Protein backbone atom coordinates (compact mmCIF):
# COMPACT_ATOMS: atom_id res chain seq x y z
CA MET A 1 25.37 -19.23 -0.63
CA LYS A 2 23.22 -16.01 -0.53
CA ASN A 3 22.06 -14.73 2.77
CA ASN A 4 18.23 -14.34 2.47
CA SER A 5 17.93 -12.68 5.93
CA PHE A 6 16.48 -9.21 5.83
CA ALA A 7 17.34 -6.15 7.75
CA HIS A 8 21.02 -6.66 8.48
CA GLY A 9 20.59 -10.25 9.78
CA GLN A 10 17.45 -9.64 11.92
CA GLU A 11 14.50 -11.92 11.21
CA LEU A 12 11.26 -10.59 10.14
CA PRO A 13 8.54 -10.39 12.76
CA LEU A 14 6.30 -13.53 12.66
CA GLY A 15 3.07 -11.72 11.74
CA LEU A 16 4.76 -9.86 8.90
CA SER A 17 6.47 -13.00 7.65
CA MET A 18 3.03 -14.78 7.59
CA ALA A 19 1.31 -12.00 5.94
CA LEU A 20 3.91 -11.69 3.33
CA ALA A 21 3.64 -15.40 2.63
CA GLN A 22 -0.02 -14.95 1.82
CA VAL A 23 0.48 -12.14 -0.63
CA PRO A 24 3.36 -13.04 -3.20
CA ALA A 25 3.28 -9.70 -4.87
CA ALA A 26 3.95 -7.93 -1.44
CA TYR A 27 6.77 -10.42 -0.79
CA ALA A 28 8.38 -9.67 -4.18
CA TYR A 29 7.98 -5.86 -3.74
CA PHE A 30 9.55 -6.18 -0.20
CA ALA A 31 12.44 -8.14 -1.50
CA LYS A 32 13.24 -5.62 -3.90
CA LEU A 33 13.39 -2.67 -1.41
CA ASP A 34 16.74 -1.42 -0.28
CA PRO A 35 17.90 -2.39 3.21
CA LEU A 36 16.81 0.89 4.79
CA GLN A 37 13.34 0.77 3.35
CA ARG A 38 12.89 -2.99 4.52
CA GLN A 39 14.04 -1.97 7.92
CA GLN A 40 11.41 0.82 7.97
CA ILE A 41 8.68 -1.71 7.04
CA ILE A 42 10.05 -4.14 9.78
CA ASP A 43 9.87 -1.28 12.41
CA SER A 44 6.41 -0.45 11.25
CA ALA A 45 5.38 -3.96 11.66
CA HIS A 46 6.50 -3.89 15.32
CA CYS A 47 3.98 -1.17 15.98
CA ILE A 48 0.96 -2.96 14.40
CA ARG A 49 -1.60 -4.06 17.00
CA SER A 50 -4.02 -6.15 14.82
CA LYS A 51 -4.25 -8.59 11.98
CA GLU A 52 -6.18 -6.08 10.02
CA GLU A 53 -3.52 -3.47 10.26
CA MET A 54 -0.84 -5.96 9.24
CA ARG A 55 -3.10 -6.87 6.17
CA ASP A 56 -3.40 -3.21 5.49
CA LEU A 57 0.47 -2.87 5.49
CA VAL A 58 0.93 -5.90 3.34
CA ASN A 59 -1.71 -4.96 0.94
CA SER A 60 -0.10 -1.54 0.51
CA LEU A 61 3.22 -3.27 -0.27
CA SER A 62 1.50 -5.58 -2.91
CA ASN A 63 0.03 -2.42 -4.59
CA GLY A 64 3.42 -0.72 -4.39
CA GLN A 65 1.62 2.14 -2.68
CA ILE A 66 3.66 2.38 0.44
CA THR A 67 5.89 5.28 0.39
CA ASP A 68 5.50 6.60 4.21
CA THR A 69 5.51 4.00 6.83
CA SER A 70 5.10 6.67 9.49
CA ILE A 71 1.33 6.08 9.41
CA PHE A 72 1.95 2.83 10.95
CA LEU A 73 4.65 4.08 13.31
CA ASN A 74 2.40 6.77 14.51
CA LYS A 75 -0.22 4.35 15.60
CA LYS A 76 2.12 3.16 18.47
CA LEU A 77 1.79 6.64 19.96
CA MET A 78 -2.12 6.54 20.07
């Protein structure tokens, strides 16, 4: 049986899971990423402080536009 867990067995943050469930295109894109890229998204999700920021992250995934997750990681420093 295939292991559907992402990021080396770590679970997705709840907010990211819920947001991805609402945008199938974003989930499909996320699922196709390599493990390192998925982990970067997960790390970014840990730094997000609002529902709107999570929606922005997921929408960027659904558009295939996310190439640099540091914009979300940098918000943690603010």
